[in-house]
Amino acid sequence: MATESGLPLTVLSVRHLTRYRYAQKVSFGEHRMMFRPRESFDQHVLESVLTITPRPVHIRYVHDVFGNTIGIARFESRARELVFESINRLELHPENSLDIPRSDFAANAWPFTYDPVDVADLAPSRAPIYPDLHGALAAWARRFLDGLTMRDAPHVLAAMTLAIHDELVYEGRVSGPPQAPLETLAVGRGTCRDFAVLMMEAARTLGLAVRFVSGYLYVPQRDGRAIHKGGGNTHAWVRVFLPGGGWAEFDPTNGLVGNRDLIRVAVARDPAQAVPLSGTFDGEIGDYLGMDVEVDVVAEEPGETERNRVVRMR
């Protein structure tokens, strides 16, 4: 199936399960969830089901400052497990934000500048979070301005994306905050969120507005092998506001330029604002036994998609 632009349309089902385990029954405080994919022209949620065990006494939804959907659950029962299962089915449209006409090259050319109308709104996304006291990160970022025939934002960012993918080693880490960018460069390895933070902060040293993205990754199989890294869990990448093209996606973990196979859930200035699930429990510290996370992203076959549409129309 194709979109009106002729690009292929993918229908994906995402199952995200998180299970907290405790040594004895505990009570639970408020929990905040970021599970529902964002609605846009390039991704459209068809169905969304959330199951929580034990059942909360109250659940409501709000939009945060970035327009992300936040679920807030409150509980009264006690239990030895707390389980969140989110199932979303959505259409993913490959977008063409990077197919910029050559006539717009000047708007994206180095040195990068934004329309004065946008500067105030983009300022927070241009401000660095991590210190770069001796300019090491800025120097690393400026290497991508050299050796390019066209020193425009899309080409510079594509070169940076591919360098992180080619030069650093991916390793999974289920929990914990991202590494500082200079630490990731020093150790030469990291998770998807470490690579996203590195690219985000490096691009900001060039004057670009960048946001951290948390979501899901569809991992197609080729010859029986996964072609992407980072499946089986939530995934992280970046969105950069191109001076002459708007927001565009870059996934340095997989060297992906554009939104193909990427499902946005949360977009934020700081990774701390894009935590998929957070909350508290009332008990002893030793009661907490751990957390299990399962994420499955499956593509529907064209015939299956049509059958589902017929069922919904009945």
Protein backbone atom coordinates (compact mmCIF):
# COMPACT_ATOMS: atom_id res chain seq x y z
CA MET A 1 0.00 0.00 0.00
CA ALA A 2 1.27 3.50 -0.78
CA THR A 3 0.51 7.00 0.42
CA GLU A 4 -0.70 9.81 -1.84
CA SER A 5 2.95 10.75 -2.39
CA GLY A 6 3.68 7.27 -3.72
CA LEU A 7 5.80 6.32 -0.71
CA PRO A 8 4.99 2.97 0.99
CA LEU A 9 2.70 2.98 4.01
CA THR A 10 3.47 0.67 6.92
CA VAL A 11 0.90 -0.46 9.51
CA LEU A 12 2.60 -1.42 12.76
CA SER A 13 1.43 -2.92 16.05
CA VAL A 14 3.42 -2.00 19.14
CA ARG A 15 3.16 -3.92 22.41
CA HIS A 16 5.02 -2.40 25.38
CA LEU A 17 4.89 -4.28 28.69
CA THR A 18 6.53 -3.13 31.93
CA ARG A 19 6.37 -5.27 35.07
CA TYR A 20 7.56 -4.13 38.52
CA ARG A 21 8.20 -6.96 41.00
CA TYR A 22 8.20 -6.74 44.82
CA ALA A 23 9.03 -9.16 47.65
CA GLN A 24 5.73 -8.47 49.41
CA LYS A 25 2.55 -6.52 48.78
CA VAL A 26 3.20 -2.79 48.56
CA SER A 27 1.07 0.25 47.88
CA PHE A 28 1.66 2.49 44.87
CA GLY A 29 1.93 6.22 44.40
CA GLU A 30 1.03 8.16 41.28
CA HIS A 31 2.50 6.82 38.02
CA ARG A 32 3.07 8.86 34.86
CA MET A 33 3.07 7.09 31.48
CA MET A 34 4.28 8.11 28.04
CA PHE A 35 3.13 5.23 25.81
CA ARG A 36 0.83 6.67 23.16
CA PRO A 37 2.53 7.63 19.87
CA ARG A 38 2.22 11.25 18.79
CA GLU A 39 -0.32 12.10 16.11
CA SER A 40 1.05 13.80 12.99
CA PHE A 41 0.87 13.74 9.20
CA ASP A 42 3.49 10.97 9.18
CA GLN A 43 2.05 8.71 11.89
CA HIS A 44 -1.57 8.09 12.79
CA VAL A 45 -2.82 6.00 15.72
CA LEU A 46 -5.56 3.59 14.67
CA GLU A 47 -6.13 1.83 18.00
CA SER A 48 -4.75 2.30 21.51
CA VAL A 49 -5.37 0.00 24.48
CA LEU A 50 -3.81 0.30 27.94
CA THR A 51 -4.19 -2.42 30.59
CA ILE A 52 -2.88 -1.87 34.14
CA THR A 53 -2.80 -4.55 36.83
CA PRO A 54 -3.87 -3.93 39.57
CA ARG A 55 -6.49 -1.63 38.12
CA PRO A 56 -6.01 2.02 39.10
CA VAL A 57 -8.84 3.86 40.84
CA HIS A 58 -8.36 6.84 38.55
CA ILE A 59 -6.59 7.55 35.28
CA ARG A 60 -6.52 10.74 33.26
CA TYR A 61 -4.61 12.14 30.30
CA VAL A 62 -2.95 15.50 29.79
CA HIS A 63 -0.58 17.10 27.27
CA ASP A 64 2.79 18.26 28.53
CA VAL A 65 4.60 21.41 27.40
CA PHE A 66 5.75 19.65 24.20
CA GLY A 67 2.34 18.22 23.32
CA ASN A 68 3.23 14.67 24.40
CA THR A 69 0.38 12.54 25.75
CA ILE A 70 0.84 11.84 29.47
CA GLY A 71 -1.27 9.25 31.32
CA ILE A 72 -1.54 9.70 35.09
CA ALA A 73 -2.71 6.71 37.17
CA ARG A 74 -3.57 6.58 40.89
CA PHE A 75 -3.98 3.40 42.95
CA GLU A 76 -5.51 2.24 46.20
CA SER A 77 -4.84 -1.53 46.14
CA ARG A 78 -1.66 -3.30 47.24
CA ALA A 79 0.11 -5.97 45.20
CA ARG A 80 3.40 -7.79 44.64
CA GLU A 81 3.42 -6.85 40.97
CA LEU A 82 2.48 -3.77 39.01
CA VAL A 83 2.05 -4.37 35.28
CA PHE A 84 1.49 -1.89 32.45
CA GLU A 85 0.67 -3.26 29.00
CA SER A 86 0.22 -0.74 26.20
CA ILE A 87 -0.83 -1.86 22.72
CA ASN A 88 -0.92 0.65 19.89
CA ARG A 89 -1.67 0.10 16.24
CA LEU A 90 -0.69 2.86 13.83
CA GLU A 91 0.01 3.89 10.27
CA LEU A 92 3.55 5.09 9.60
CA HIS A 93 4.12 7.27 6.54
CA PRO A 94 7.67 7.92 5.32
CA GLU A 95 7.96 11.71 5.28
CA ASN A 96 10.02 13.81 2.91
CA SER A 97 11.27 16.63 5.16
CA LEU A 98 14.81 16.01 3.90
CA ASP A 99 13.84 16.20 0.22
CA ILE A 100 14.60 19.89 0.15
CA PRO A 101 14.68 21.68 -3.24
CA ARG A 102 18.16 22.83 -4.27
CA SER A 103 16.73 26.32 -4.48
CA ASP A 104 16.44 26.24 -0.66
CA PHE A 105 20.11 25.36 -0.15
CA ALA A 106 20.98 28.88 1.02
CA ALA A 107 18.50 28.67 3.89
CA ASN A 108 20.24 25.55 5.23
CA ALA A 109 23.82 26.59 4.51
CA TRP A 110 26.54 27.09 7.12
CA PRO A 111 26.65 29.22 9.25
CA PHE A 112 23.22 28.06 10.35
CA THR A 113 20.71 30.80 11.06
CA TYR A 114 16.98 30.74 11.71
CA ASP A 115 14.14 32.98 10.65
CA PRO A 116 13.88 35.73 13.30
CA VAL A 117 10.24 34.77 13.83
CA ASP A 118 11.33 31.29 15.04
CA VAL A 119 14.37 32.25 17.13
CA ALA A 120 12.58 32.82 20.45
CA ASP A 121 10.64 29.55 20.23
CA LEU A 122 13.72 27.53 19.24
CA ALA A 123 16.04 29.06 21.86
CA PRO A 124 15.51 26.38 24.57
CA SER A 125 16.22 23.61 22.05
CA ARG A 126 19.46 25.31 21.01
CA ALA A 127 20.79 25.68 24.56
CA PRO A 128 23.23 22.95 25.68
CA ILE A 129 22.48 20.80 28.71
CA TYR A 130 25.94 19.35 29.33
CA PRO A 131 29.07 21.50 29.89
CA ASP A 132 31.77 21.65 27.23
CA LEU A 133 34.26 23.74 29.16
CA HIS A 134 37.26 23.18 26.89
CA GLY A 135 35.33 23.03 23.61
CA ALA A 136 36.09 19.36 22.92
CA LEU A 137 32.53 18.56 21.86
CA ALA A 138 32.33 21.66 19.67
CA ALA A 139 35.59 20.67 17.99
CA TRP A 140 34.26 17.17 17.36
CA ALA A 141 31.08 18.60 15.83
CA ARG A 142 32.96 21.01 13.55
CA ARG A 143 34.78 18.13 11.85
CA PHE A 144 31.53 17.47 9.98
CA LEU A 145 31.76 20.85 8.28
CA ASP A 146 34.93 19.75 6.50
CA GLY A 147 35.19 17.62 3.38
CA LEU A 148 31.62 18.21 2.24
CA THR A 149 30.76 19.48 -1.21
CA MET A 150 27.59 21.04 0.22
CA ARG A 151 27.94 22.47 3.74
CA ASP A 152 24.25 22.52 4.47
CA ALA A 153 22.39 21.21 7.53
CA PRO A 154 21.03 17.97 5.97
CA HIS A 155 24.47 16.88 4.71
CA VAL A 156 26.29 17.87 7.93
CA LEU A 157 23.74 16.05 10.07
CA ALA A 158 23.76 12.98 7.85
CA ALA A 159 27.57 12.84 8.14
CA MET A 160 27.32 13.13 11.94
CA THR A 161 24.64 10.43 12.08
CA LEU A 162 26.73 7.98 10.07
CA ALA A 163 29.92 8.74 12.01
CA ILE A 164 28.32 7.89 15.34
CA HIS A 165 26.91 4.71 13.85
CA ASP A 166 30.21 3.68 12.22
CA GLU A 167 32.71 4.75 14.87
CA LEU A 168 31.02 3.93 18.18
CA VAL A 169 29.91 0.56 19.57
CA TYR A 170 26.27 0.04 20.53
CA GLU A 171 25.53 -1.71 23.84
CA GLY A 172 22.17 -2.14 25.52
CA ARG A 173 21.40 -0.68 28.96
CA VAL A 174 17.80 -0.96 30.11
CA SER A 175 17.73 1.79 32.75
CA GLY A 176 19.65 4.77 34.00
CA PRO A 177 20.25 8.28 32.66
CA PRO A 178 22.23 8.92 29.47
CA GLN A 179 25.99 9.30 29.58
CA ALA A 180 27.45 12.77 29.13
CA PRO A 181 28.47 13.32 25.48
CA LEU A 182 32.20 13.56 26.23
CA GLU A 183 32.00 10.33 28.23
CA THR A 184 30.42 8.55 25.25
CA LEU A 185 33.21 9.79 22.99
CA ALA A 186 35.85 8.79 25.55
CA VAL A 187 34.63 5.22 26.07
CA GLY A 188 33.61 4.74 22.43
CA ARG A 189 30.38 2.94 23.23
CA GLY A 190 26.88 3.54 24.52
CA THR A 191 23.16 2.95 24.25
CA CYS A 192 20.74 4.58 21.83
CA ARG A 193 19.99 7.34 24.36
CA ASP A 194 23.75 7.97 24.83
CA PHE A 195 24.18 8.35 21.07
CA ALA A 196 21.09 10.56 20.82
CA VAL A 197 22.39 12.86 23.56
CA LEU A 198 25.82 13.01 21.91
CA MET A 199 24.31 14.05 18.57
CA MET A 200 21.85 16.43 20.19
CA GLU A 201 24.51 18.32 22.12
CA ALA A 202 27.01 18.28 19.24
CA ALA A 203 24.47 19.74 16.80
CA ARG A 204 23.58 22.40 19.36
CA THR A 205 27.22 23.58 19.39
CA LEU A 206 26.70 24.33 15.68
CA GLY A 207 23.73 26.55 16.52
CA LEU A 208 21.00 24.08 15.57
CA ALA A 209 17.79 23.47 17.53
CA VAL A 210 17.53 19.80 18.54
CA ARG A 211 15.11 17.72 20.59
CA PHE A 212 15.47 14.29 22.14
CA VAL A 213 12.98 11.68 20.94
CA SER A 214 11.84 8.58 22.80
CA GLY A 215 9.73 5.97 21.06
CA TYR A 216 9.84 2.64 19.31
CA LEU A 217 11.84 1.09 16.50
CA TYR A 218 10.51 -1.31 13.90
CA VAL A 219 13.24 -3.83 13.09
CA PRO A 220 12.72 -5.54 9.72
CA GLN A 221 14.40 -8.86 9.04
CA ARG A 222 16.74 -9.42 6.11
CA ASP A 223 17.96 -12.95 5.43
CA GLY A 224 16.70 -13.90 8.88
CA ARG A 225 18.70 -11.18 10.65
CA ALA A 226 17.64 -7.91 12.25
CA ILE A 227 18.85 -4.92 10.25
CA HIS A 228 18.58 -2.38 13.11
CA LYS A 229 19.98 -2.15 16.65
CA GLY A 230 17.87 -1.21 19.65
CA GLY A 231 14.80 -3.43 19.18
CA GLY A 232 13.09 -5.11 22.12
CA ASN A 233 13.04 -1.95 24.20
CA THR A 234 12.17 1.70 23.86
CA HIS A 235 14.41 3.58 21.45
CA ALA A 236 15.92 7.08 21.30
CA TRP A 237 17.01 9.40 18.49
CA VAL A 238 16.89 13.14 17.68
CA ARG A 239 14.84 15.70 15.77
CA VAL A 240 16.63 18.71 14.34
CA PHE A 241 14.91 21.87 13.15
CA LEU A 242 16.40 22.55 9.72
CA PRO A 243 16.59 26.29 8.97
CA GLY A 244 14.94 25.69 5.60
CA GLY A 245 12.98 22.52 6.19
CA GLY A 246 11.43 22.14 9.66
CA TRP A 247 11.83 19.19 12.02
CA ALA A 248 13.62 16.12 10.63
CA GLU A 249 14.58 12.78 12.21
CA PHE A 250 18.09 11.35 12.64
CA ASP A 251 18.87 8.03 14.35
CA PRO A 252 22.63 7.80 15.02
CA THR A 253 22.34 4.32 16.54
CA ASN A 254 21.31 2.88 13.18
CA GLY A 255 22.61 5.52 10.82
CA LEU A 256 19.05 6.37 9.74
CA VAL A 257 18.26 9.70 8.12
CA GLY A 258 14.51 10.32 8.02
CA ASN A 259 11.64 8.78 9.96
CA ARG A 260 11.49 5.33 8.34
CA ASP A 261 10.92 2.59 10.99
CA LEU A 262 10.85 5.20 13.81
CA ILE A 263 7.71 5.70 15.95
CA ARG A 264 7.70 8.93 17.99
CA VAL A 265 6.12 8.83 21.42
CA ALA A 266 7.81 11.66 23.34
CA VAL A 267 9.71 14.69 22.07
CA ALA A 268 11.54 16.83 24.63
CA ARG A 269 14.30 19.38 25.13
CA ASP A 270 15.96 17.20 27.81
CA PRO A 271 15.96 13.36 28.05
CA ALA A 272 14.72 13.68 31.66
CA GLN A 273 11.44 15.01 30.22
CA ALA A 274 10.86 11.90 28.09
CA VAL A 275 10.82 9.03 30.59
CA PRO A 276 8.33 6.36 29.37
CA LEU A 277 7.15 5.38 32.86
CA SER A 278 7.80 6.75 36.34
CA GLY A 279 6.20 6.40 39.75
CA THR A 280 6.64 5.46 43.40
CA PHE A 281 5.76 2.66 45.81
CA ASP A 282 5.37 2.63 49.60
CA GLY A 283 7.46 -0.08 51.22
CA GLU A 284 10.97 -1.03 52.30
CA ILE A 285 13.86 -0.47 49.90
CA GLY A 286 14.55 -4.20 49.87
CA ASP A 287 10.99 -4.94 48.71
CA TYR A 288 11.82 -3.88 45.16
CA LEU A 289 12.99 -6.93 43.18
CA GLY A 290 13.36 -5.42 39.72
CA MET A 291 11.66 -4.41 36.51
CA ASP A 292 11.03 -6.35 33.30
CA VAL A 293 10.44 -4.59 29.97
CA GLU A 294 9.21 -6.15 26.74
CA VAL A 295 8.67 -4.24 23.50
CA ASP A 296 7.44 -5.91 20.32
CA VAL A 297 6.88 -4.01 17.07
CA VAL A 298 5.26 -6.02 14.28
CA ALA A 299 4.33 -4.98 10.74
CA GLU A 300 1.03 -6.10 9.27
CA GLU A 301 0.88 -7.79 5.90
CA PRO A 302 -1.13 -5.80 3.29
CA GLY A 303 -3.99 -8.33 3.31
CA GLU A 304 -4.18 -8.23 7.09
CA THR A 305 -4.40 -4.43 7.02
CA GLU A 306 -7.33 -4.52 4.59
CA ARG A 307 -9.16 -7.11 6.72
CA ASN A 308 -8.75 -4.92 9.81
CA ARG A 309 -10.17 -1.94 7.93
CA VAL A 310 -13.23 -3.95 6.89
CA VAL A 311 -13.82 -5.04 10.49
CA ARG A 312 -13.65 -1.42 11.71
CA MET A 313 -16.16 -0.30 9.07
CA ARG A 314 -18.77 -2.86 10.06
